[in-house]
């Protein structure tokens, strides 16, 4: 890199909440989701089915029975997706900090893709027992701790990704003039 290129390269300051979440918490949450889906599929299914007291697709009593093969297959695939999220955060984003124009562009592209996945996850939860099933989706006082954890982390993901993509708190660093 020549000194002229280095002098004209855009630099940015990024709020620590974005980098801490994406580089530490996201891999931790994604890894734990992958482990739960693979190691304890029944427990994971129960955490999803507790979103509504009378979930239509996975009723609460089925959590006590052994997991049928289609669910196990789907959970293994979900675990692979969570693993992918963790690896993207650990391997790609960590090596390309968003403090340069190229790094910021890469982060926006990756976080956009993750946001689309988050919206798909919310849509799937809605299909499980959302507004179409009646008031249960909105009856937050009836949720169990697993549902609060699942949806809470997902909503935190969405909020932080949206904030980053909208540029909230991101500032361009202007080099000081030395004349």
Foldseek 3Di string as FASTA:
>chain_A
DDPVCVQPWWFKDDPPVLLCCLQPVLLVVLQVLLCCLQVPVLVNVLLLLLLFCQFDPQHNVCSVPDDDDVSNVVSNVSSVVSNVSNCCSHPPLVVQDCGTVVSLVVLLVVLVVVLVVLVVVVVVSCVRQNPVNPCRNVPVVSGDPSNCVVVVVSVVSNVSSVCSNVPPPMDIDDDDDDD
